[in-house]
Amino acid sequence: MRCLSIAEEYRRQGGETIFLMADDRAGDLIEKNGFSYICLNSVWNDLEQELDVLVGIIEEKRIPLLLVDSYFATEKYLSTLGKYTKIAYVDDLDQFIYPVDLLINYNIYAEQLDYPRRYSEAGLTAKFALGCSYAPLRDEFRGRERSISQRVRKVLITTGGTDIYDVTGHLLEQLSRQCWFSELKFEVIVGRFNSHIDELTAKWERYDNIHFHYNVMDMANYMMACDIAVTAGGSTVYELMACGTPAIVYTLADNQFDIARAVSEMNLIPWVGDVRKEINECCRSIVYMIKDYVVDFERRKSVSRRMQELVDGCGSKRIVTLLLERDS
């Protein structure tokens, strides 16, 4: 999705984009958005296997710039491709010194990683796009104007595409025990790969204040319509910031820790812990945080303003400006 966001802005500014993918599972999504793709028929978690094929395509198509977005890019992979074209890389993990022309890390903690000094000492002349002002969000998150209501009416619950730990079910169980439960409406986003859908609907659809939403394509509208959100760490955090929606974050993967820790330390979004360790304790903390937000209008208003100051939804535009400089 972040590559699509960048590609759409690149096209808007007159650039031409083609997607190169290991397999065609996302082919329909790419074509639906008006882009073409080439299937490499390679292994998505062993990128070095595709080098010969990919180099051939770069030479045949005379590709001047390649944006790489994969956790499995190795130093050999990037350095080999760099002999044939300019490379931009989207980094979340900071695993090693990436031999690239442009490094993008749009996470809120990115500037603390001291990329410029480290890369300069390694003899590299890479340019950098660092910090959440570069978050490549979809157009729907751009320029949102937020008004914070005195009263909290709706709570958004989003737990990712799979929700393998059934955070939704555990959280609804905790919420239903509260004396104020019926006073709020809960808008629950159900991911397309959620394996708990049948249990969730069987138990909770009878409640008038719980609404399940499937295959959501306009996430920003749901975020804007709700007063508070509960989310896993990850890119959804930046979407909520662009919408100015006061939120509560939990983690369920190691690569979410840094985001959750950073927004919590900045007093932007409280982090309740990791659901893999103690899901019931995390859900109890979420319930407490919701109650705290409900009674603290000034806090919600202040947090919302600070969120939108940090993320305005124009990150793709800033990235494309740098890509076009590399493409010239």
C-alpha atoms as a PDB file:
ATOM      1  CA  MET A   1       0.000   0.000   0.000  1.00  0.00           C
ATOM      2  CA  ARG A   2       2.815   2.436   0.745  1.00  0.00           C
ATOM      3  CA  CYS A   3       4.351   1.679  -2.655  1.00  0.00           C
ATOM      4  CA  LEU A   4       0.992   2.383  -4.302  1.00  0.00           C
ATOM      5  CA  SER A   5       0.763   5.683  -2.482  1.00  0.00           C
ATOM      6  CA  ILE A   6       4.221   6.686  -3.712  1.00  0.00           C
ATOM      7  CA  ALA A   7       3.473   5.438  -7.242  1.00  0.00           C
ATOM      8  CA  GLU A   8       0.258   7.459  -7.447  1.00  0.00           C
ATOM      9  CA  GLU A   9       2.072  10.635  -6.428  1.00  0.00           C
ATOM     10  CA  TYR A  10       4.917   9.840  -8.844  1.00  0.00           C
ATOM     11  CA  ARG A  11       2.370   9.524 -11.658  1.00  0.00           C
ATOM     12  CA  ARG A  12       0.693  12.737 -10.583  1.00  0.00           C
ATOM     13  CA  GLN A  13       4.015  14.522 -10.999  1.00  0.00           C
ATOM     14  CA  GLY A  14       4.555  13.104 -14.481  1.00  0.00           C
ATOM     15  CA  GLY A  15       6.614  10.000 -13.694  1.00  0.00           C
ATOM     16  CA  GLU A  16       6.042   6.496 -15.058  1.00  0.00           C
ATOM     17  CA  THR A  17       5.921   3.533 -12.697  1.00  0.00           C
ATOM     18  CA  ILE A  18       5.981  -0.242 -13.117  1.00  0.00           C
ATOM     19  CA  PHE A  19       5.796  -2.742 -10.251  1.00  0.00           C
ATOM     20  CA  LEU A  20       8.245  -5.666 -10.108  1.00  0.00           C
ATOM     21  CA  MET A  21       6.964  -8.427  -7.825  1.00  0.00           C
ATOM     22  CA  ALA A  22       8.062 -11.898  -6.787  1.00  0.00           C
ATOM     23  CA  ASP A  23       4.565 -13.304  -7.438  1.00  0.00           C
ATOM     24  CA  ASP A  24       1.249 -12.024  -8.731  1.00  0.00           C
ATOM     25  CA  ARG A  25      -0.820 -12.200  -5.532  1.00  0.00           C
ATOM     26  CA  ALA A  26      -1.157  -8.400  -5.503  1.00  0.00           C
ATOM     27  CA  GLY A  27      -1.535  -8.163  -9.262  1.00  0.00           C
ATOM     28  CA  ASP A  28      -5.246  -7.342  -9.216  1.00  0.00           C
ATOM     29  CA  LEU A  29      -4.680  -4.571  -6.682  1.00  0.00           C
ATOM     30  CA  ILE A  30      -1.875  -3.076  -8.795  1.00  0.00           C
ATOM     31  CA  GLU A  31      -3.946  -3.131 -11.989  1.00  0.00           C
ATOM     32  CA  LYS A  32      -7.036  -1.837 -10.206  1.00  0.00           C
ATOM     33  CA  ASN A  33      -5.033   1.274  -9.359  1.00  0.00           C
ATOM     34  CA  GLY A  34      -4.003   1.764 -12.975  1.00  0.00           C
ATOM     35  CA  PHE A  35      -0.445   0.393 -12.881  1.00  0.00           C
ATOM     36  CA  SER A  36       1.232  -2.446 -14.738  1.00  0.00           C
ATOM     37  CA  TYR A  37       3.482  -5.052 -13.170  1.00  0.00           C
ATOM     38  CA  ILE A  38       6.002  -7.721 -14.049  1.00  0.00           C
ATOM     39  CA  CYS A  39       5.932 -11.012 -12.145  1.00  0.00           C
ATOM     40  CA  LEU A  40       9.475 -12.238 -11.516  1.00  0.00           C
ATOM     41  CA  ASN A  41       8.277 -15.712 -10.462  1.00  0.00           C
ATOM     42  CA  SER A  42      10.859 -15.627  -7.692  1.00  0.00           C
ATOM     43  CA  VAL A  43      10.963 -16.300  -3.954  1.00  0.00           C
ATOM     44  CA  TRP A  44       9.804 -13.278  -1.968  1.00  0.00           C
ATOM     45  CA  ASN A  45      11.976 -14.046   1.077  1.00  0.00           C
ATOM     46  CA  ASP A  46      15.166 -14.898  -0.831  1.00  0.00           C
ATOM     47  CA  LEU A  47      15.692 -11.919  -3.106  1.00  0.00           C
ATOM     48  CA  GLU A  48      19.176 -12.826  -4.278  1.00  0.00           C
ATOM     49  CA  GLN A  49      17.634 -15.628  -6.363  1.00  0.00           C
ATOM     50  CA  GLU A  50      15.962 -13.059  -8.609  1.00  0.00           C
ATOM     51  CA  LEU A  51      19.031 -10.914  -9.301  1.00  0.00           C
ATOM     52  CA  ASP A  52      19.790 -12.198 -12.801  1.00  0.00           C
ATOM     53  CA  VAL A  53      16.189 -11.804 -13.962  1.00  0.00           C
ATOM     54  CA  LEU A  54      15.829  -8.397 -12.334  1.00  0.00           C
ATOM     55  CA  VAL A  55      19.075  -7.052 -13.773  1.00  0.00           C
ATOM     56  CA  GLY A  56      17.908  -8.181 -17.204  1.00  0.00           C
ATOM     57  CA  ILE A  57      14.658  -6.248 -16.821  1.00  0.00           C
ATOM     58  CA  ILE A  58      16.483  -3.140 -15.601  1.00  0.00           C
ATOM     59  CA  GLU A  59      18.695  -3.206 -18.669  1.00  0.00           C
ATOM     60  CA  GLU A  60      15.912  -4.052 -21.092  1.00  0.00           C
ATOM     61  CA  LYS A  61      13.513  -1.392 -19.771  1.00  0.00           C
ATOM     62  CA  ARG A  62      16.337   1.087 -19.104  1.00  0.00           C
ATOM     63  CA  ILE A  63      14.999   1.664 -15.595  1.00  0.00           C
ATOM     64  CA  PRO A  64      16.762   4.729 -14.112  1.00  0.00           C
ATOM     65  CA  LEU A  65      15.519   4.274 -10.537  1.00  0.00           C
ATOM     66  CA  LEU A  66      14.369   1.299  -8.472  1.00  0.00           C
ATOM     67  CA  LEU A  67      12.463   1.701  -5.206  1.00  0.00           C
ATOM     68  CA  VAL A  68      13.011  -1.420  -3.094  1.00  0.00           C
ATOM     69  CA  ASP A  69      10.524  -2.261  -0.341  1.00  0.00           C
ATOM     70  CA  SER A  70      11.299  -5.602   1.304  1.00  0.00           C
ATOM     71  CA  TYR A  71      12.556  -6.747   4.687  1.00  0.00           C
ATOM     72  CA  PHE A  72      14.607  -9.405   2.862  1.00  0.00           C
ATOM     73  CA  ALA A  73      16.874  -7.093   0.865  1.00  0.00           C
ATOM     74  CA  THR A  74      20.507  -8.038   1.546  1.00  0.00           C
ATOM     75  CA  GLU A  75      23.675  -6.013   1.124  1.00  0.00           C
ATOM     76  CA  LYS A  76      24.603  -8.129  -1.913  1.00  0.00           C
ATOM     77  CA  TYR A  77      21.174  -7.626  -3.448  1.00  0.00           C
ATOM     78  CA  LEU A  78      21.260  -3.840  -3.119  1.00  0.00           C
ATOM     79  CA  SER A  79      24.896  -3.388  -4.107  1.00  0.00           C
ATOM     80  CA  THR A  80      24.467  -5.592  -7.193  1.00  0.00           C
ATOM     81  CA  LEU A  81      21.411  -3.669  -8.381  1.00  0.00           C
ATOM     82  CA  GLY A  82      23.210  -0.402  -7.652  1.00  0.00           C
ATOM     83  CA  LYS A  83      25.647  -1.196 -10.457  1.00  0.00           C
ATOM     84  CA  TYR A  84      22.811  -0.971 -12.988  1.00  0.00           C
ATOM     85  CA  THR A  85      20.462   1.721 -11.655  1.00  0.00           C
ATOM     86  CA  LYS A  86      19.926   4.157  -8.799  1.00  0.00           C
ATOM     87  CA  ILE A  87      18.394   2.610  -5.691  1.00  0.00           C
ATOM     88  CA  ALA A  88      15.956   3.999  -3.140  1.00  0.00           C
ATOM     89  CA  TYR A  89      15.135   1.797  -0.148  1.00  0.00           C
ATOM     90  CA  VAL A  90      12.322   1.876   2.421  1.00  0.00           C
ATOM     91  CA  ASP A  91      13.858   0.934   5.779  1.00  0.00           C
ATOM     92  CA  ASP A  92      12.036  -0.083   8.944  1.00  0.00           C
ATOM     93  CA  LEU A  93      14.633  -2.258  10.646  1.00  0.00           C
ATOM     94  CA  ASP A  94      18.072  -0.579  10.287  1.00  0.00           C
ATOM     95  CA  GLN A  95      19.705  -3.992   9.947  1.00  0.00           C
ATOM     96  CA  PHE A  96      22.910  -2.832   8.249  1.00  0.00           C
ATOM     97  CA  ILE A  97      24.381   0.040   6.233  1.00  0.00           C
ATOM     98  CA  TYR A  98      22.334  -0.082   3.036  1.00  0.00           C
ATOM     99  CA  PRO A  99      24.327   0.706  -0.156  1.00  0.00           C
ATOM    100  CA  VAL A 100      21.661   2.934  -1.726  1.00  0.00           C
ATOM    101  CA  ASP A 101      21.239   6.410  -3.206  1.00  0.00           C
ATOM    102  CA  LEU A 102      18.175   7.343  -1.139  1.00  0.00           C
ATOM    103  CA  LEU A 103      17.157   5.824   2.179  1.00  0.00           C
ATOM    104  CA  ILE A 104      13.602   6.335   3.433  1.00  0.00           C
ATOM    105  CA  ASN A 105      12.655   5.713   7.049  1.00  0.00           C
ATOM    106  CA  TYR A 106       9.415   7.505   7.839  1.00  0.00           C
ATOM    107  CA  ASN A 107       9.114   6.244  11.399  1.00  0.00           C
ATOM    108  CA  ILE A 108       8.767   8.772  14.179  1.00  0.00           C
ATOM    109  CA  TYR A 109      12.062   7.651  15.771  1.00  0.00           C
ATOM    110  CA  ALA A 110      14.100   7.612  12.516  1.00  0.00           C
ATOM    111  CA  GLU A 111      16.130  10.755  13.177  1.00  0.00           C
ATOM    112  CA  GLN A 112      17.404   9.236  16.435  1.00  0.00           C
ATOM    113  CA  LEU A 113      19.200   6.507  14.439  1.00  0.00           C
ATOM    114  CA  ASP A 114      21.903   8.936  13.279  1.00  0.00           C
ATOM    115  CA  TYR A 115      21.891   7.750   9.667  1.00  0.00           C
ATOM    116  CA  PRO A 116      23.838  10.671   8.103  1.00  0.00           C
ATOM    117  CA  ARG A 117      26.893  10.285  10.365  1.00  0.00           C
ATOM    118  CA  ARG A 118      26.985   6.495  10.127  1.00  0.00           C
ATOM    119  CA  TYR A 119      26.626   6.424   6.357  1.00  0.00           C
ATOM    120  CA  SER A 120      29.179   9.187   5.884  1.00  0.00           C
ATOM    121  CA  GLU A 121      31.681   7.252   8.008  1.00  0.00           C
ATOM    122  CA  ALA A 122      30.988   4.226   5.790  1.00  0.00           C
ATOM    123  CA  GLY A 123      31.942   6.278   2.745  1.00  0.00           C
ATOM    124  CA  LEU A 124      28.422   6.502   1.308  1.00  0.00           C
ATOM    125  CA  THR A 125      26.814   9.629  -0.129  1.00  0.00           C
ATOM    126  CA  ALA A 126      23.204   8.575   0.320  1.00  0.00           C
ATOM    127  CA  LYS A 127      20.407  11.097   0.748  1.00  0.00           C
ATOM    128  CA  PHE A 128      17.811  10.566   3.472  1.00  0.00           C
ATOM    129  CA  ALA A 129      14.070  10.974   3.991  1.00  0.00           C
ATOM    130  CA  LEU A 130      13.670  10.598   7.746  1.00  0.00           C
ATOM    131  CA  GLY A 131      10.789  11.052  10.145  1.00  0.00           C
ATOM    132  CA  CYS A 132       7.021  10.767  10.010  1.00  0.00           C
ATOM    133  CA  SER A 133       6.595  13.833   7.782  1.00  0.00           C
ATOM    134  CA  TYR A 134       7.606  11.341   5.048  1.00  0.00           C
ATOM    135  CA  ALA A 135       4.955   8.743   5.958  1.00  0.00           C
ATOM    136  CA  PRO A 136       3.633   7.645   2.524  1.00  0.00           C
ATOM    137  CA  LEU A 137      -0.060   7.615   3.304  1.00  0.00           C
ATOM    138  CA  ARG A 138      -2.855   7.357   0.758  1.00  0.00           C
ATOM    139  CA  ASP A 139      -4.521  10.498  -0.574  1.00  0.00           C
ATOM    140  CA  GLU A 140      -7.508  10.062   1.735  1.00  0.00           C
ATOM    141  CA  PHE A 141      -5.294  11.025   4.701  1.00  0.00           C
ATOM    142  CA  ARG A 142      -4.011  14.256   3.194  1.00  0.00           C
ATOM    143  CA  GLY A 143      -5.066  17.603   4.689  1.00  0.00           C
ATOM    144  CA  ARG A 144      -7.681  16.293   7.104  1.00  0.00           C
ATOM    145  CA  GLU A 145      -9.237  18.912   9.394  1.00  0.00           C
ATOM    146  CA  ARG A 146     -10.149  17.594  12.810  1.00  0.00           C
ATOM    147  CA  SER A 147     -12.721  18.848  15.284  1.00  0.00           C
ATOM    148  CA  ILE A 148     -12.637  17.241  18.734  1.00  0.00           C
ATOM    149  CA  SER A 149     -16.033  16.708  20.359  1.00  0.00           C
ATOM    150  CA  GLN A 150     -16.589  17.388  24.022  1.00  0.00           C
ATOM    151  CA  ARG A 151     -18.326  14.046  24.352  1.00  0.00           C
ATOM    152  CA  VAL A 152     -16.915  10.683  23.251  1.00  0.00           C
ATOM    153  CA  ARG A 153     -19.477   8.668  21.315  1.00  0.00           C
ATOM    154  CA  LYS A 154     -17.575   6.260  19.045  1.00  0.00           C
ATOM    155  CA  VAL A 155     -14.499   4.093  19.537  1.00  0.00           C
ATOM    156  CA  LEU A 156     -12.658   2.585  16.570  1.00  0.00           C
ATOM    157  CA  ILE A 157     -11.073  -0.846  17.029  1.00  0.00           C
ATOM    158  CA  THR A 158      -8.639  -1.972  14.342  1.00  0.00           C
ATOM    159  CA  THR A 159      -6.491  -5.057  14.805  1.00  0.00           C
ATOM    160  CA  GLY A 160      -4.818  -5.590  11.431  1.00  0.00           C
ATOM    161  CA  GLY A 161      -5.472  -8.042   8.634  1.00  0.00           C
ATOM    162  CA  THR A 162      -5.288 -11.284  10.630  1.00  0.00           C
ATOM    163  CA  ASP A 163      -5.718 -10.551  14.375  1.00  0.00           C
ATOM    164  CA  ILE A 164      -4.188 -13.953  15.122  1.00  0.00           C
ATOM    165  CA  TYR A 165      -4.358 -13.348  18.889  1.00  0.00           C
ATOM    166  CA  ASP A 166      -8.060 -12.371  18.743  1.00  0.00           C
ATOM    167  CA  VAL A 167      -7.459  -9.004  20.367  1.00  0.00           C
ATOM    168  CA  THR A 168     -10.913  -7.946  19.172  1.00  0.00           C
ATOM    169  CA  GLY A 169     -12.666 -10.730  21.046  1.00  0.00           C
ATOM    170  CA  HIS A 170     -10.644 -10.274  24.237  1.00  0.00           C
ATOM    171  CA  LEU A 171     -11.147  -6.516  24.211  1.00  0.00           C
ATOM    172  CA  LEU A 172     -14.901  -6.668  23.603  1.00  0.00           C
ATOM    173  CA  GLU A 173     -15.154  -9.130  26.480  1.00  0.00           C
ATOM    174  CA  GLN A 174     -13.442  -6.661  28.814  1.00  0.00           C
ATOM    175  CA  LEU A 175     -15.448  -3.691  27.534  1.00  0.00           C
ATOM    176  CA  SER A 176     -18.796  -5.445  27.913  1.00  0.00           C
ATOM    177  CA  ARG A 177     -18.197  -5.706  31.667  1.00  0.00           C
ATOM    178  CA  GLN A 178     -17.988  -1.938  32.132  1.00  0.00           C
ATOM    179  CA  CYS A 179     -20.951  -0.016  33.496  1.00  0.00           C
ATOM    180  CA  TRP A 180     -20.524   2.581  30.716  1.00  0.00           C
ATOM    181  CA  PHE A 181     -20.254   0.013  27.904  1.00  0.00           C
ATOM    182  CA  SER A 182     -23.697   0.716  26.441  1.00  0.00           C
ATOM    183  CA  GLU A 183     -23.026   4.474  26.336  1.00  0.00           C
ATOM    184  CA  LEU A 184     -20.437   4.099  23.551  1.00  0.00           C
ATOM    185  CA  LYS A 185     -20.542   2.720  20.032  1.00  0.00           C
ATOM    186  CA  PHE A 186     -17.705   0.474  18.896  1.00  0.00           C
ATOM    187  CA  GLU A 187     -16.777   0.453  15.218  1.00  0.00           C
ATOM    188  CA  VAL A 188     -14.732  -2.709  14.630  1.00  0.00           C
ATOM    189  CA  ILE A 189     -12.636  -3.075  11.475  1.00  0.00           C
ATOM    190  CA  VAL A 190     -12.298  -6.768  10.599  1.00  0.00           C
ATOM    191  CA  GLY A 191      -9.328  -7.664   8.400  1.00  0.00           C
ATOM    192  CA  ARG A 192      -9.844  -9.882   5.377  1.00  0.00           C
ATOM    193  CA  PHE A 193      -7.716 -12.681   6.868  1.00  0.00           C
ATOM    194  CA  ASN A 194      -9.242 -12.631  10.360  1.00  0.00           C
ATOM    195  CA  SER A 195      -9.759 -16.260  11.341  1.00  0.00           C
ATOM    196  CA  HIS A 196     -12.064 -15.371  14.257  1.00  0.00           C
ATOM    197  CA  ILE A 197     -14.853 -13.764  12.210  1.00  0.00           C
ATOM    198  CA  ASP A 198     -17.422 -16.488  12.861  1.00  0.00           C
ATOM    199  CA  GLU A 199     -16.917 -16.442  16.649  1.00  0.00           C
ATOM    200  CA  LEU A 200     -16.954 -12.653  16.760  1.00  0.00           C
ATOM    201  CA  THR A 201     -20.169 -12.257  14.806  1.00  0.00           C
ATOM    202  CA  ALA A 202     -21.898 -15.101  16.631  1.00  0.00           C
ATOM    203  CA  LYS A 203     -21.233 -13.533  20.024  1.00  0.00           C
ATOM    204  CA  TRP A 204     -21.260  -9.785  19.412  1.00  0.00           C
ATOM    205  CA  GLU A 205     -23.429  -8.868  16.425  1.00  0.00           C
ATOM    206  CA  ARG A 206     -26.536  -8.939  18.615  1.00  0.00           C
ATOM    207  CA  TYR A 207     -25.258  -5.870  20.481  1.00  0.00           C
ATOM    208  CA  ASP A 208     -26.683  -2.643  19.051  1.00  0.00           C
ATOM    209  CA  ASN A 209     -23.557  -0.662  19.937  1.00  0.00           C
ATOM    210  CA  ILE A 210     -21.057  -2.973  18.190  1.00  0.00           C
ATOM    211  CA  HIS A 211     -20.704  -2.675  14.417  1.00  0.00           C
ATOM    212  CA  PHE A 212     -18.390  -4.852  12.328  1.00  0.00           C
ATOM    213  CA  HIS A 213     -16.962  -3.519   9.059  1.00  0.00           C
ATOM    214  CA  TYR A 214     -15.382  -5.736   6.414  1.00  0.00           C
ATOM    215  CA  ASN A 215     -13.105  -4.989   3.438  1.00  0.00           C
ATOM    216  CA  VAL A 216     -12.908  -1.326   4.395  1.00  0.00           C
ATOM    217  CA  MET A 217     -11.615   0.854   1.553  1.00  0.00           C
ATOM    218  CA  ASP A 218     -12.110   4.294   3.150  1.00  0.00           C
ATOM    219  CA  MET A 219     -10.286   3.917   6.455  1.00  0.00           C
ATOM    220  CA  ALA A 220      -9.761   7.654   6.898  1.00  0.00           C
ATOM    221  CA  ASN A 221     -13.513   8.262   7.058  1.00  0.00           C
ATOM    222  CA  TYR A 222     -13.879   5.731   9.875  1.00  0.00           C
ATOM    223  CA  MET A 223     -10.982   7.317  11.740  1.00  0.00           C
ATOM    224  CA  MET A 224     -12.491  10.778  11.345  1.00  0.00           C
ATOM    225  CA  ALA A 225     -15.918   9.575  12.480  1.00  0.00           C
ATOM    226  CA  CYS A 226     -14.604   8.087  15.734  1.00  0.00           C
ATOM    227  CA  ASP A 227     -13.469   9.961  18.843  1.00  0.00           C
ATOM    228  CA  ILE A 228     -10.908   7.395  20.036  1.00  0.00           C
ATOM    229  CA  ALA A 229      -9.087   4.526  18.314  1.00  0.00           C
ATOM    230  CA  VAL A 230      -7.432   1.314  19.477  1.00  0.00           C
ATOM    231  CA  THR A 231      -4.748  -0.007  17.149  1.00  0.00           C
ATOM    232  CA  ALA A 232      -1.767  -2.267  16.801  1.00  0.00           C
ATOM    233  CA  GLY A 233       1.563  -0.577  16.179  1.00  0.00           C
ATOM    234  CA  GLY A 234       2.573  -0.051  12.565  1.00  0.00           C
ATOM    235  CA  SER A 235       1.536   2.248   9.730  1.00  0.00           C
ATOM    236  CA  THR A 236      -1.996   2.607  11.131  1.00  0.00           C
ATOM    237  CA  VAL A 237      -0.464   4.765  13.866  1.00  0.00           C
ATOM    238  CA  TYR A 238       0.577   7.344  11.261  1.00  0.00           C
ATOM    239  CA  GLU A 239      -2.839   7.215   9.589  1.00  0.00           C
ATOM    240  CA  LEU A 240      -4.471   8.005  12.929  1.00  0.00           C
ATOM    241  CA  MET A 241      -2.004  10.836  13.477  1.00  0.00           C
ATOM    242  CA  ALA A 242      -2.880  12.325  10.087  1.00  0.00           C
ATOM    243  CA  CYS A 243      -6.543  12.182  11.092  1.00  0.00           C
ATOM    244  CA  GLY A 244      -5.837  13.614  14.547  1.00  0.00           C
ATOM    245  CA  THR A 245      -7.667  10.720  16.208  1.00  0.00           C
ATOM    246  CA  PRO A 246      -6.601  10.190  19.842  1.00  0.00           C
ATOM    247  CA  ALA A 247      -5.477   6.592  20.108  1.00  0.00           C
ATOM    248  CA  ILE A 248      -4.262   3.724  22.255  1.00  0.00           C
ATOM    249  CA  VAL A 249      -1.624   1.359  20.869  1.00  0.00           C
ATOM    250  CA  TYR A 250      -0.624  -2.204  21.636  1.00  0.00           C
ATOM    251  CA  THR A 251       2.029  -4.353  19.956  1.00  0.00           C
ATOM    252  CA  LEU A 252       1.991  -7.871  18.541  1.00  0.00           C
ATOM    253  CA  ALA A 253       5.289  -7.954  16.615  1.00  0.00           C
ATOM    254  CA  ASP A 254       8.874  -7.020  17.452  1.00  0.00           C
ATOM    255  CA  ASN A 255       9.095  -4.432  14.659  1.00  0.00           C
ATOM    256  CA  GLN A 256       6.265  -2.442  16.294  1.00  0.00           C
ATOM    257  CA  PHE A 257       8.137  -1.795  19.544  1.00  0.00           C
ATOM    258  CA  ASP A 258      10.065   1.282  18.416  1.00  0.00           C
ATOM    259  CA  ILE A 259       6.967   3.048  17.088  1.00  0.00           C
ATOM    260  CA  ALA A 260       4.926   2.257  20.190  1.00  0.00           C
ATOM    261  CA  ARG A 261       7.735   3.259  22.513  1.00  0.00           C
ATOM    262  CA  ALA A 262       8.351   6.548  20.691  1.00  0.00           C
ATOM    263  CA  VAL A 263       4.739   7.740  20.591  1.00  0.00           C
ATOM    264  CA  SER A 264       4.293   6.748  24.217  1.00  0.00           C
ATOM    265  CA  GLU A 265       7.417   8.578  25.389  1.00  0.00           C
ATOM    266  CA  MET A 266       6.231  11.683  23.504  1.00  0.00           C
ATOM    267  CA  ASN A 267       2.896  11.477  25.381  1.00  0.00           C
ATOM    268  CA  LEU A 268       1.095  11.207  22.043  1.00  0.00           C
ATOM    269  CA  ILE A 269      -0.349   7.696  22.185  1.00  0.00           C
ATOM    270  CA  PRO A 270      -0.227   5.492  25.287  1.00  0.00           C
ATOM    271  CA  TRP A 271       1.271   2.021  24.765  1.00  0.00           C
ATOM    272  CA  VAL A 272      -0.404  -0.680  26.844  1.00  0.00           C
ATOM    273  CA  GLY A 273       2.116  -3.455  26.148  1.00  0.00           C
ATOM    274  CA  ASP A 274       2.501  -6.539  23.969  1.00  0.00           C
ATOM    275  CA  VAL A 275      -0.490  -8.844  23.565  1.00  0.00           C
ATOM    276  CA  ARG A 276       1.745 -11.870  23.011  1.00  0.00           C
ATOM    277  CA  LYS A 277       2.829 -11.717  26.642  1.00  0.00           C
ATOM    278  CA  GLU A 278      -0.380 -10.902  28.499  1.00  0.00           C
ATOM    279  CA  ILE A 279      -3.379 -10.161  26.338  1.00  0.00           C
ATOM    280  CA  ASN A 280      -5.876  -9.803  29.187  1.00  0.00           C
ATOM    281  CA  GLU A 281      -3.688  -7.281  31.011  1.00  0.00           C
ATOM    282  CA  CYS A 282      -3.272  -5.282  27.795  1.00  0.00           C
ATOM    283  CA  CYS A 283      -7.029  -5.253  27.236  1.00  0.00           C
ATOM    284  CA  ARG A 284      -7.660  -4.124  30.808  1.00  0.00           C
ATOM    285  CA  SER A 285      -5.219  -1.266  30.248  1.00  0.00           C
ATOM    286  CA  ILE A 286      -6.997  -0.325  27.006  1.00  0.00           C
ATOM    287  CA  VAL A 287     -10.300  -0.165  28.885  1.00  0.00           C
ATOM    288  CA  TYR A 288      -8.693   2.097  31.500  1.00  0.00           C
ATOM    289  CA  MET A 289      -7.233   4.367  28.810  1.00  0.00           C
ATOM    290  CA  ILE A 290     -10.583   4.649  27.025  1.00  0.00           C
ATOM    291  CA  LYS A 291     -12.222   5.682  30.272  1.00  0.00           C
ATOM    292  CA  ASP A 292      -9.453   8.233  30.849  1.00  0.00           C
ATOM    293  CA  TYR A 293      -9.888   9.735  27.376  1.00  0.00           C
ATOM    294  CA  VAL A 294     -13.670   9.928  27.816  1.00  0.00           C
ATOM    295  CA  VAL A 295     -13.379  12.254  30.808  1.00  0.00           C
ATOM    296  CA  ASP A 296     -10.401  14.321  29.577  1.00  0.00           C
ATOM    297  CA  PHE A 297     -11.505  16.533  26.681  1.00  0.00           C
ATOM    298  CA  GLU A 298      -8.480  18.836  26.959  1.00  0.00           C
ATOM    299  CA  ARG A 299      -6.075  15.940  26.659  1.00  0.00           C
ATOM    300  CA  ARG A 300      -7.829  14.631  23.549  1.00  0.00           C
ATOM    301  CA  LYS A 301      -7.785  18.082  21.981  1.00  0.00           C
ATOM    302  CA  SER A 302      -4.092  18.657  22.733  1.00  0.00           C
ATOM    303  CA  VAL A 303      -3.013  15.205  21.516  1.00  0.00           C
ATOM    304  CA  SER A 304      -5.019  15.566  18.308  1.00  0.00           C
ATOM    305  CA  ARG A 305      -3.390  18.877  17.466  1.00  0.00           C
ATOM    306  CA  ARG A 306       0.118  17.537  18.073  1.00  0.00           C
ATOM    307  CA  MET A 307      -0.564  14.445  15.973  1.00  0.00           C
ATOM    308  CA  GLN A 308      -1.535  16.481  12.931  1.00  0.00           C
ATOM    309  CA  GLU A 309       1.414  18.792  13.366  1.00  0.00           C
ATOM    310  CA  LEU A 310       3.679  15.758  12.946  1.00  0.00           C
ATOM    311  CA  VAL A 311       1.816  13.953  10.141  1.00  0.00           C
ATOM    312  CA  ASP A 312      -0.065  15.938   7.493  1.00  0.00           C
ATOM    313  CA  GLY A 313      -0.549  13.145   4.955  1.00  0.00           C
ATOM    314  CA  CYS A 314       1.840  14.689   2.405  1.00  0.00           C
ATOM    315  CA  GLY A 315       4.699  12.238   2.941  1.00  0.00           C
ATOM    316  CA  SER A 316       4.398  10.645  -0.514  1.00  0.00           C
ATOM    317  CA  LYS A 317       4.716  14.050  -2.132  1.00  0.00           C
ATOM    318  CA  ARG A 318       7.942  14.738  -0.229  1.00  0.00           C
ATOM    319  CA  ILE A 319       9.341  11.305  -1.115  1.00  0.00           C
ATOM    320  CA  VAL A 320       8.544  11.744  -4.797  1.00  0.00           C
ATOM    321  CA  THR A 321      10.320  15.110  -4.850  1.00  0.00           C
ATOM    322  CA  LEU A 322      13.481  13.300  -3.723  1.00  0.00           C
ATOM    323  CA  LEU A 323      12.909  10.404  -6.132  1.00  0.00           C
ATOM    324  CA  LEU A 324      12.598  12.765  -9.081  1.00  0.00           C
ATOM    325  CA  GLU A 325      15.927  14.326  -8.108  1.00  0.00           C
ATOM    326  CA  ARG A 326      17.508  10.848  -8.227  1.00  0.00           C
ATOM    327  CA  ASP A 327      15.705  10.075 -11.508  1.00  0.00           C
ATOM    328  CA  SER A 328      17.088  13.108 -13.320  1.00  0.00           C
END
